[in-house]
Full PDB file with SEQRES, HELIX, SHEET, SSBOND, CRYST1, ORIGX, SCALE, CONECT and MASTER records, all heavy atoms in Angstrom:
SEQRES   1 A   34  SER VAL ILE GLU LYS LEU PRO TYR LEU LYS GLU LEU GLY          
SEQRES   2 A   34  ILE ASN VAL ILE GLN ILE MET PRO PRO LEU GLU PHE PRO          
SEQRES   3 A   34  GLY SER PHE SER TRP GLY TYR ASN                              
HELIX    1 AA1 ILE A    3  LYS A    5  5                                   3    
HELIX    2 AA2 LEU A    6  LEU A   12  1                                   7    
CRYST1    1.000    1.000    1.000  90.00  90.00  90.00 P 1           1          
ORIGX1      1.000000  0.000000  0.000000        0.00000                         
ORIGX2      0.000000  1.000000  0.000000        0.00000                         
ORIGX3      0.000000  0.000000  1.000000        0.00000                         
SCALE1      1.000000  0.000000  0.000000        0.00000                         
SCALE2      0.000000  1.000000  0.000000        0.00000                         
SCALE3      0.000000  0.000000  1.000000        0.00000                         
ATOM      1  N   SER A   1       0.830  -1.213   0.000  1.00  0.00           N  
ATOM      2  CA  SER A   1       0.000   0.000   0.000  1.00  0.00           C  
ATOM      3  C   SER A   1       0.861   1.257   0.000  1.00  0.00           C  
ATOM      4  O   SER A   1       0.450   2.296  -0.525  1.00  0.00           O  
ATOM      5  CB  SER A   1      -0.958  -0.008   1.196  1.00  0.00           C  
ATOM      6  OG  SER A   1      -0.275   0.040   2.433  1.00  0.00           O  
ATOM      7  N   VAL A   2       2.057   1.181   0.579  1.00  0.00           N  
ATOM      8  CA  VAL A   2       2.987   2.311   0.498  1.00  0.00           C  
ATOM      9  C   VAL A   2       3.475   2.474  -0.939  1.00  0.00           C  
ATOM     10  O   VAL A   2       3.546   3.594  -1.459  1.00  0.00           O  
ATOM     11  CB  VAL A   2       4.180   2.123   1.452  1.00  0.00           C  
ATOM     12  CG1 VAL A   2       5.199   3.253   1.264  1.00  0.00           C  
ATOM     13  CG2 VAL A   2       3.717   2.091   2.906  1.00  0.00           C  
ATOM     14  N   ILE A   3       3.795   1.357  -1.586  1.00  0.00           N  
ATOM     15  CA  ILE A   3       4.260   1.400  -2.980  1.00  0.00           C  
ATOM     16  C   ILE A   3       3.231   2.102  -3.862  1.00  0.00           C  
ATOM     17  O   ILE A   3       3.588   2.864  -4.773  1.00  0.00           O  
ATOM     18  CB  ILE A   3       4.568  -0.024  -3.486  1.00  0.00           C  
ATOM     19  CG1 ILE A   3       5.823  -0.568  -2.801  1.00  0.00           C  
ATOM     20  CG2 ILE A   3       4.743  -0.041  -5.008  1.00  0.00           C  
ATOM     21  CD1 ILE A   3       6.103  -2.037  -3.084  1.00  0.00           C  
ATOM     22  N   GLU A   4       1.958   1.872  -3.603  1.00  0.00           N  
ATOM     23  CA  GLU A   4       0.904   2.492  -4.407  1.00  0.00           C  
ATOM     24  C   GLU A   4       0.968   4.016  -4.369  1.00  0.00           C  
ATOM     25  O   GLU A   4       0.558   4.682  -5.325  1.00  0.00           O  
ATOM     26  CB  GLU A   4      -0.467   2.030  -3.913  1.00  0.00           C  
ATOM     27  CG  GLU A   4      -0.779   0.583  -4.216  1.00  0.00           C  
ATOM     28  CD  GLU A   4      -2.164   0.194  -3.732  1.00  0.00           C  
ATOM     29  OE1 GLU A   4      -2.938   1.106  -3.342  1.00  0.00           O  
ATOM     30  OE2 GLU A   4      -2.479  -1.009  -3.738  1.00  0.00           O  
ATOM     31  N   LYS A   5       1.488   4.574  -3.280  1.00  0.00           N  
ATOM     32  CA  LYS A   5       1.527   6.030  -3.122  1.00  0.00           C  
ATOM     33  C   LYS A   5       2.871   6.644  -3.504  1.00  0.00           C  
ATOM     34  O   LYS A   5       3.056   7.863  -3.380  1.00  0.00           O  
ATOM     35  CB  LYS A   5       1.194   6.407  -1.671  1.00  0.00           C  
ATOM     36  CG  LYS A   5      -0.263   6.170  -1.285  1.00  0.00           C  
ATOM     37  CD  LYS A   5      -1.201   7.090  -2.058  1.00  0.00           C  
ATOM     38  CE  LYS A   5      -2.637   6.951  -1.587  1.00  0.00           C  
ATOM     39  NZ  LYS A   5      -3.561   7.816  -2.360  1.00  0.00           N  
ATOM     40  N   LEU A   6       3.817   5.836  -3.966  1.00  0.00           N  
ATOM     41  CA  LEU A   6       5.117   6.390  -4.350  1.00  0.00           C  
ATOM     42  C   LEU A   6       5.008   7.436  -5.462  1.00  0.00           C  
ATOM     43  O   LEU A   6       5.698   8.467  -5.410  1.00  0.00           O  
ATOM     44  CB  LEU A   6       6.078   5.274  -4.743  1.00  0.00           C  
ATOM     45  CG  LEU A   6       6.576   4.381  -3.594  1.00  0.00           C  
ATOM     46  CD1 LEU A   6       7.428   3.241  -4.137  1.00  0.00           C  
ATOM     47  CD2 LEU A   6       7.357   5.186  -2.555  1.00  0.00           C  
ATOM     48  N   PRO A   7       4.158   7.233  -6.495  1.00  0.00           N  
ATOM     49  CA  PRO A   7       4.015   8.295  -7.505  1.00  0.00           C  
ATOM     50  C   PRO A   7       3.528   9.608  -6.906  1.00  0.00           C  
ATOM     51  O   PRO A   7       3.975  10.688  -7.325  1.00  0.00           O  
ATOM     52  CB  PRO A   7       3.000   7.709  -8.487  1.00  0.00           C  
ATOM     53  CG  PRO A   7       3.142   6.232  -8.344  1.00  0.00           C  
ATOM     54  CD  PRO A   7       3.416   6.017  -6.881  1.00  0.00           C  
ATOM     55  N   TYR A   8       2.630   9.531  -5.934  1.00  0.00           N  
ATOM     56  CA  TYR A   8       2.150  10.737  -5.259  1.00  0.00           C  
ATOM     57  C   TYR A   8       3.302  11.444  -4.548  1.00  0.00           C  
ATOM     58  O   TYR A   8       3.456  12.675  -4.643  1.00  0.00           O  
ATOM     59  CB  TYR A   8       1.046  10.367  -4.268  1.00  0.00           C  
ATOM     60  CG  TYR A   8       0.753  11.424  -3.239  1.00  0.00           C  
ATOM     61  CD1 TYR A   8      -0.133  12.463  -3.515  1.00  0.00           C  
ATOM     62  CD2 TYR A   8       1.371  11.400  -1.983  1.00  0.00           C  
ATOM     63  CE1 TYR A   8      -0.401  13.456  -2.573  1.00  0.00           C  
ATOM     64  CE2 TYR A   8       1.113  12.382  -1.039  1.00  0.00           C  
ATOM     65  CZ  TYR A   8       0.222  13.407  -1.327  1.00  0.00           C  
ATOM     66  OH  TYR A   8      -0.022  14.382  -0.394  1.00  0.00           O  
ATOM     67  N   LEU A   9       4.118  10.670  -3.821  1.00  0.00           N  
ATOM     68  CA  LEU A   9       5.223  11.266  -3.074  1.00  0.00           C  
ATOM     69  C   LEU A   9       6.248  11.884  -4.023  1.00  0.00           C  
ATOM     70  O   LEU A   9       6.790  12.961  -3.739  1.00  0.00           O  
ATOM     71  CB  LEU A   9       5.879  10.215  -2.182  1.00  0.00           C  
ATOM     72  CG  LEU A   9       5.022   9.691  -1.026  1.00  0.00           C  
ATOM     73  CD1 LEU A   9       5.711   8.532  -0.325  1.00  0.00           C  
ATOM     74  CD2 LEU A   9       4.723  10.807  -0.019  1.00  0.00           C  
ATOM     75  N   LYS A  10       6.512  11.209  -5.127  1.00  0.00           N  
ATOM     76  CA  LYS A  10       7.457  11.766  -6.104  1.00  0.00           C  
ATOM     77  C   LYS A  10       6.934  13.092  -6.661  1.00  0.00           C  
ATOM     78  O   LYS A  10       7.687  14.058  -6.801  1.00  0.00           O  
ATOM     79  CB  LYS A  10       7.707  10.771  -7.230  1.00  0.00           C  
ATOM     80  CG  LYS A  10       8.725  11.264  -8.264  1.00  0.00           C  
ATOM     81  CD  LYS A  10       8.999  10.203  -9.305  1.00  0.00           C  
ATOM     82  CE  LYS A  10       9.961  10.716 -10.378  1.00  0.00           C  
ATOM     83  NZ  LYS A  10      11.294  11.069  -9.838  1.00  0.00           N  
ATOM     84  N   GLU A  11       5.645  13.122  -7.004  1.00  0.00           N  
ATOM     85  CA  GLU A  11       5.063  14.352  -7.534  1.00  0.00           C  
ATOM     86  C   GLU A  11       5.095  15.461  -6.479  1.00  0.00           C  
ATOM     87  O   GLU A  11       5.295  16.637  -6.817  1.00  0.00           O  
ATOM     88  CB  GLU A  11       3.626  14.112  -7.981  1.00  0.00           C  
ATOM     89  CG  GLU A  11       2.981  15.331  -8.623  1.00  0.00           C  
ATOM     90  CD  GLU A  11       1.552  15.090  -9.054  1.00  0.00           C  
ATOM     91  OE1 GLU A  11       1.007  14.002  -8.774  1.00  0.00           O  
ATOM     92  OE2 GLU A  11       0.964  16.000  -9.672  1.00  0.00           O  
ATOM     93  N   LEU A  12       4.914  15.098  -5.233  1.00  0.00           N  
ATOM     94  CA  LEU A  12       4.991  16.082  -4.155  1.00  0.00           C  
ATOM     95  C   LEU A  12       6.397  16.675  -4.050  1.00  0.00           C  
ATOM     96  O   LEU A  12       6.563  17.810  -3.586  1.00  0.00           O  
ATOM     97  CB  LEU A  12       4.581  15.431  -2.836  1.00  0.00           C  
ATOM     98  CG  LEU A  12       4.440  16.314  -1.602  1.00  0.00           C  
ATOM     99  CD1 LEU A  12       3.326  17.347  -1.784  1.00  0.00           C  
ATOM    100  CD2 LEU A  12       4.161  15.451  -0.362  1.00  0.00           C  
ATOM    101  N   GLY A  13       7.389  15.917  -4.478  1.00  0.00           N  
ATOM    102  CA  GLY A  13       8.776  16.383  -4.432  1.00  0.00           C  
ATOM    103  C   GLY A  13       9.621  15.697  -3.383  1.00  0.00           C  
ATOM    104  O   GLY A  13      10.786  16.043  -3.194  1.00  0.00           O  
ATOM    105  N   ILE A  14       9.045  14.726  -2.694  1.00  0.00           N  
ATOM    106  CA  ILE A  14       9.778  14.002  -1.658  1.00  0.00           C  
ATOM    107  C   ILE A  14      10.876  13.157  -2.303  1.00  0.00           C  
ATOM    108  O   ILE A  14      10.647  12.469  -3.311  1.00  0.00           O  
ATOM    109  CB  ILE A  14       8.809  13.091  -0.868  1.00  0.00           C  
ATOM    110  CG1 ILE A  14       7.728  13.926  -0.169  1.00  0.00           C  
ATOM    111  CG2 ILE A  14       9.565  12.219   0.112  1.00  0.00           C  
ATOM    112  CD1 ILE A  14       8.259  14.952   0.810  1.00  0.00           C  
ATOM    113  N   ASN A  15      12.072  13.198  -1.722  1.00  0.00           N  
ATOM    114  CA  ASN A  15      13.144  12.356  -2.253  1.00  0.00           C  
ATOM    115  C   ASN A  15      13.739  11.406  -1.222  1.00  0.00           C  
ATOM    116  O   ASN A  15      14.720  10.721  -1.496  1.00  0.00           O  
ATOM    117  CB  ASN A  15      14.244  13.194  -2.917  1.00  0.00           C  
ATOM    118  CG  ASN A  15      14.831  14.236  -1.998  1.00  0.00           C  
ATOM    119  OD1 ASN A  15      14.531  14.289  -0.807  1.00  0.00           O  
ATOM    120  ND2 ASN A  15      15.685  15.087  -2.559  1.00  0.00           N  
ATOM    121  N   VAL A  16      13.132  11.335  -0.039  1.00  0.00           N  
ATOM    122  CA  VAL A  16      13.506  10.293   0.926  1.00  0.00           C  
ATOM    123  C   VAL A  16      12.349  10.097   1.901  1.00  0.00           C  
ATOM    124  O   VAL A  16      11.755  11.065   2.379  1.00  0.00           O  
ATOM    125  CB  VAL A  16      14.821  10.634   1.669  1.00  0.00           C  
ATOM    126  CG1 VAL A  16      14.718  11.940   2.430  1.00  0.00           C  
ATOM    127  CG2 VAL A  16      15.212   9.511   2.625  1.00  0.00           C  
ATOM    128  N   ILE A  17      11.992   8.831   2.136  1.00  0.00           N  
ATOM    129  CA  ILE A  17      10.982   8.503   3.140  1.00  0.00           C  
ATOM    130  C   ILE A  17      11.687   7.910   4.351  1.00  0.00           C  
ATOM    131  O   ILE A  17      12.647   7.153   4.225  1.00  0.00           O  
ATOM    132  CB  ILE A  17       9.917   7.528   2.600  1.00  0.00           C  
ATOM    133  CG1 ILE A  17      10.537   6.264   2.018  1.00  0.00           C  
ATOM    134  CG2 ILE A  17       9.043   8.225   1.564  1.00  0.00           C  
ATOM    135  CD1 ILE A  17       9.511   5.225   1.547  1.00  0.00           C  
ATOM    136  N   GLN A  18      11.214   8.306   5.516  1.00  0.00           N  
ATOM    137  CA  GLN A  18      11.744   7.765   6.768  1.00  0.00           C  
ATOM    138  C   GLN A  18      10.647   6.925   7.390  1.00  0.00           C  
ATOM    139  O   GLN A  18       9.576   7.423   7.741  1.00  0.00           O  
ATOM    140  CB  GLN A  18      12.157   8.891   7.712  1.00  0.00           C  
ATOM    141  CG  GLN A  18      12.711   8.406   9.041  1.00  0.00           C  
ATOM    142  CD  GLN A  18      13.134   9.555   9.923  1.00  0.00           C  
ATOM    143  OE1 GLN A  18      14.017  10.334   9.568  1.00  0.00           O  
ATOM    144  NE2 GLN A  18      12.485   9.698  11.077  1.00  0.00           N  
ATOM    145  N   ILE A  19      10.903   5.625   7.518  1.00  0.00           N  
ATOM    146  CA  ILE A  19       9.880   4.679   7.923  1.00  0.00           C  
ATOM    147  C   ILE A  19      10.008   4.363   9.412  1.00  0.00           C  
ATOM    148  O   ILE A  19      11.059   3.923   9.879  1.00  0.00           O  
ATOM    149  CB  ILE A  19       9.995   3.384   7.101  1.00  0.00           C  
ATOM    150  CG1 ILE A  19       9.754   3.694   5.614  1.00  0.00           C  
ATOM    151  CG2 ILE A  19       9.019   2.331   7.578  1.00  0.00           C  
ATOM    152  CD1 ILE A  19       9.922   2.505   4.712  1.00  0.00           C  
ATOM    153  N   MET A  20       8.912   4.619  10.146  1.00  0.00           N  
ATOM    154  CA  MET A  20       8.880   4.224  11.549  1.00  0.00           C  
ATOM    155  C   MET A  20       9.079   2.718  11.635  1.00  0.00           C  
ATOM    156  O   MET A  20       8.765   1.986  10.697  1.00  0.00           O  
ATOM    157  CB  MET A  20       7.559   4.672  12.175  1.00  0.00           C  
ATOM    158  CG  MET A  20       7.450   6.194  12.298  1.00  0.00           C  
ATOM    159  SD  MET A  20       5.798   6.781  12.749  1.00  0.00           S  
ATOM    160  CE  MET A  20       5.585   6.098  14.396  1.00  0.00           C  
ATOM    161  N   PRO A  21       9.629   2.207  12.739  1.00  0.00           N  
ATOM    162  CA  PRO A  21      10.133   0.825  12.777  1.00  0.00           C  
ATOM    163  C   PRO A  21       9.128  -0.217  12.289  1.00  0.00           C  
ATOM    164  O   PRO A  21       8.059  -0.384  12.889  1.00  0.00           O  
ATOM    165  CB  PRO A  21      10.447   0.615  14.263  1.00  0.00           C  
ATOM    166  CG  PRO A  21      10.726   1.982  14.780  1.00  0.00           C  
ATOM    167  CD  PRO A  21       9.799   2.885  14.030  1.00  0.00           C  
ATOM    168  N   PRO A  22       9.454  -0.956  11.206  1.00  0.00           N  
ATOM    169  CA  PRO A  22       8.596  -2.027  10.711  1.00  0.00           C  
ATOM    170  C   PRO A  22       9.063  -3.389  11.218  1.00  0.00           C  
ATOM    171  O   PRO A  22       8.955  -4.400  10.542  1.00  0.00           O  
ATOM    172  CB  PRO A  22       8.774  -1.914   9.195  1.00  0.00           C  
ATOM    173  CG  PRO A  22      10.219  -1.531   9.050  1.00  0.00           C  
ATOM    174  CD  PRO A  22      10.570  -0.698  10.272  1.00  0.00           C  
ATOM    175  N   LEU A  23       9.630  -3.407  12.421  1.00  0.00           N  
ATOM    176  CA  LEU A  23      10.189  -4.632  12.983  1.00  0.00           C  
ATOM    177  C   LEU A  23       9.081  -5.434  13.659  1.00  0.00           C  
ATOM    178  O   LEU A  23       8.087  -4.878  14.117  1.00  0.00           O  
ATOM    179  CB  LEU A  23      11.293  -4.272  13.984  1.00  0.00           C  
ATOM    180  CG  LEU A  23      12.289  -3.217  13.493  1.00  0.00           C  
ATOM    181  CD1 LEU A  23      13.247  -2.819  14.598  1.00  0.00           C  
ATOM    182  CD2 LEU A  23      13.052  -3.734  12.275  1.00  0.00           C  
ATOM    183  N   GLU A  24       9.241  -6.751  13.725  1.00  0.00           N  
ATOM    184  CA  GLU A  24       8.195  -7.613  14.268  1.00  0.00           C  
ATOM    185  C   GLU A  24       7.831  -7.202  15.690  1.00  0.00           C  
ATOM    186  O   GLU A  24       8.677  -7.142  16.578  1.00  0.00           O  
ATOM    187  CB  GLU A  24       8.653  -9.073  14.242  1.00  0.00           C  
ATOM    188  CG  GLU A  24       7.569 -10.081  14.602  1.00  0.00           C  
ATOM    189  CD  GLU A  24       6.449 -10.143  13.573  1.00  0.00           C  
ATOM    190  OE1 GLU A  24       6.748 -10.293  12.374  1.00  0.00           O  
ATOM    191  OE2 GLU A  24       5.277 -10.056  13.985  1.00  0.00           O  
ATOM    192  N   PHE A  25       6.546  -6.910  15.891  1.00  0.00           N  
ATOM    193  CA  PHE A  25       6.038  -6.471  17.192  1.00  0.00           C  
ATOM    194  C   PHE A  25       4.785  -7.276  17.540  1.00  0.00           C  
ATOM    195  O   PHE A  25       4.171  -7.906  16.658  1.00  0.00           O  
ATOM    196  CB  PHE A  25       5.742  -4.968  17.183  1.00  0.00           C  
ATOM    197  CG  PHE A  25       4.908  -4.489  16.024  1.00  0.00           C  
ATOM    198  CD1 PHE A  25       3.545  -4.779  15.938  1.00  0.00           C  
ATOM    199  CD2 PHE A  25       5.487  -3.745  15.002  1.00  0.00           C  
ATOM    200  CE1 PHE A  25       2.774  -4.337  14.867  1.00  0.00           C  
ATOM    201  CE2 PHE A  25       4.716  -3.303  13.921  1.00  0.00           C  
ATOM    202  CZ  PHE A  25       3.358  -3.599  13.854  1.00  0.00           C  
ATOM    203  N   PRO A  26       4.373  -7.269  18.799  1.00  0.00           N  
ATOM    204  CA  PRO A  26       3.167  -8.013  19.179  1.00  0.00           C  
ATOM    205  C   PRO A  26       1.918  -7.463  18.499  1.00  0.00           C  
ATOM    206  O   PRO A  26       1.728  -6.246  18.426  1.00  0.00           O  
ATOM    207  CB  PRO A  26       3.086  -7.810  20.696  1.00  0.00           C  
ATOM    208  CG  PRO A  26       4.476  -7.480  21.119  1.00  0.00           C  
ATOM    209  CD  PRO A  26       5.060  -6.695  19.966  1.00  0.00           C  
ATOM    210  N   GLY A  27       1.062  -8.349  18.011  1.00  0.00           N  
ATOM    211  CA  GLY A  27      -0.180  -7.932  17.393  1.00  0.00           C  
ATOM    212  C   GLY A  27       0.028  -7.336  16.015  1.00  0.00           C  
ATOM    213  O   GLY A  27       1.086  -7.450  15.400  1.00  0.00           O  
ATOM    214  N   SER A  28      -1.047  -6.671  15.532  1.00  0.00           N  
ATOM    215  CA  SER A  28      -1.023  -6.100  14.187  1.00  0.00           C  
ATOM    216  C   SER A  28      -0.851  -4.590  14.178  1.00  0.00           C  
ATOM    217  O   SER A  28      -0.565  -4.015  13.129  1.00  0.00           O  
ATOM    218  CB  SER A  28      -2.324  -6.457  13.450  1.00  0.00           C  
ATOM    219  OG  SER A  28      -2.460  -7.852  13.304  1.00  0.00           O  
ATOM    220  N   PHE A  29      -1.027  -3.936  15.328  1.00  0.00           N  
ATOM    221  CA  PHE A  29      -0.995  -2.480  15.392  1.00  0.00           C  
ATOM    222  C   PHE A  29       0.045  -2.020  16.413  1.00  0.00           C  
ATOM    223  O   PHE A  29       0.050  -2.479  17.552  1.00  0.00           O  
ATOM    224  CB  PHE A  29      -2.376  -1.920  15.757  1.00  0.00           C  
ATOM    225  CG  PHE A  29      -3.447  -2.255  14.756  1.00  0.00           C  
ATOM    226  CD1 PHE A  29      -4.251  -3.371  14.930  1.00  0.00           C  
ATOM    227  CD2 PHE A  29      -3.641  -1.460  13.632  1.00  0.00           C  
ATOM    228  CE1 PHE A  29      -5.236  -3.692  14.001  1.00  0.00           C  
ATOM    229  CE2 PHE A  29      -4.618  -1.774  12.702  1.00  0.00           C  
ATOM    230  CZ  PHE A  29      -5.416  -2.895  12.888  1.00  0.00           C  
ATOM    231  N   SER A  30       0.900  -1.127  15.995  1.00  0.00           N  
ATOM    232  CA  SER A  30       1.933  -0.597  16.888  1.00  0.00           C  
ATOM    233  C   SER A  30       2.615   0.582  16.216  1.00  0.00           C  
ATOM    234  O   SER A  30       2.653   0.673  14.989  1.00  0.00           O  
ATOM    235  CB  SER A  30       2.975  -1.669  17.215  1.00  0.00           C  
ATOM    236  OG  SER A  30       4.085  -1.117  17.921  1.00  0.00           O  
ATOM    237  N   TRP A  31       3.155   1.485  17.022  1.00  0.00           N  
ATOM    238  CA  TRP A  31       4.012   2.531  16.473  1.00  0.00           C  
ATOM    239  C   TRP A  31       5.279   1.913  15.887  1.00  0.00           C  
ATOM    240  O   TRP A  31       5.915   2.488  15.019  1.00  0.00           O  
ATOM    241  CB  TRP A  31       4.408   3.514  17.562  1.00  0.00           C  
ATOM    242  CG  TRP A  31       3.349   4.434  18.049  1.00  0.00           C  
ATOM    243  CD1 TRP A  31       1.994   4.233  18.031  1.00  0.00           C  
ATOM    244  CD2 TRP A  31       3.549   5.722  18.619  1.00  0.00           C  
ATOM    245  NE1 TRP A  31       1.351   5.315  18.570  1.00  0.00           N  
ATOM    246  CE2 TRP A  31       2.281   6.248  18.944  1.00  0.00           C  
ATOM    247  CE3 TRP A  31       4.681   6.484  18.890  1.00  0.00           C  
ATOM    248  CZ2 TRP A  31       2.121   7.499  19.523  1.00  0.00           C  
ATOM    249  CZ3 TRP A  31       4.528   7.728  19.479  1.00  0.00           C  
ATOM    250  CH2 TRP A  31       3.256   8.230  19.781  1.00  0.00           C  
ATOM    251  N   GLY A  32       5.677   0.749  16.458  1.00  0.00           N  
ATOM    252  CA  GLY A  32       6.894   0.082  16.011  1.00  0.00           C  
ATOM    253  C   GLY A  32       8.049   0.197  16.983  1.00  0.00           C  
ATOM    254  O   GLY A  32       9.104  -0.415  16.767  1.00  0.00           O  
ATOM    255  N   TYR A  33       7.855   0.942  18.067  1.00  0.00           N  
ATOM    256  CA  TYR A  33       8.960   1.163  19.006  1.00  0.00           C  
ATOM    257  C   TYR A  33       8.968   0.136  20.142  1.00  0.00           C  
ATOM    258  O   TYR A  33       9.539   0.384  21.205  1.00  0.00           O  
ATOM    259  CB  TYR A  33       8.913   2.591  19.545  1.00  0.00           C  
ATOM    260  CG  TYR A  33       9.113   3.609  18.454  1.00  0.00           C  
ATOM    261  CD1 TYR A  33       8.031   4.277  17.895  1.00  0.00           C  
ATOM    262  CD2 TYR A  33      10.381   3.859  17.935  1.00  0.00           C  
ATOM    263  CE1 TYR A  33       8.206   5.184  16.858  1.00  0.00           C  
ATOM    264  CE2 TYR A  33      10.571   4.758  16.903  1.00  0.00           C  
ATOM    265  CZ  TYR A  33       9.472   5.414  16.367  1.00  0.00           C  
ATOM    266  OH  TYR A  33       9.648   6.305  15.329  1.00  0.00           O  
ATOM    267  N   ASN A  34       8.338  -1.008  19.909  1.00  0.00           N  
ATOM    268  CA  ASN A  34       8.371  -2.123  20.848  1.00  0.00           C  
ATOM    269  C   ASN A  34       8.782  -3.407  20.119  1.00  0.00           C  
ATOM    270  O   ASN A  34       8.060  -4.403  20.127  1.00  0.00           O  
ATOM    271  CB  ASN A  34       6.998  -2.301  21.506  1.00  0.00           C  
ATOM    272  CG  ASN A  34       5.878  -2.504  20.483  1.00  0.00           C  
ATOM    273  OD1 ASN A  34       5.991  -2.072  19.344  1.00  0.00           O  
ATOM    274  ND2 ASN A  34       4.809  -3.174  20.880  1.00  0.00           N  
TER     275      ASN A  34                                                      
MASTER        0    0    0    2    0    0    0    6  274    1    0    3          
END                                                                             
């Protein structure tokens, strides 16, 4: 779903995305800092 929005981000002018931690965490919902 992030890939789907890459054209939007490119058009916006973004040239780097910073991704909050996508590391394995308990459950399906988290900020990623656990």
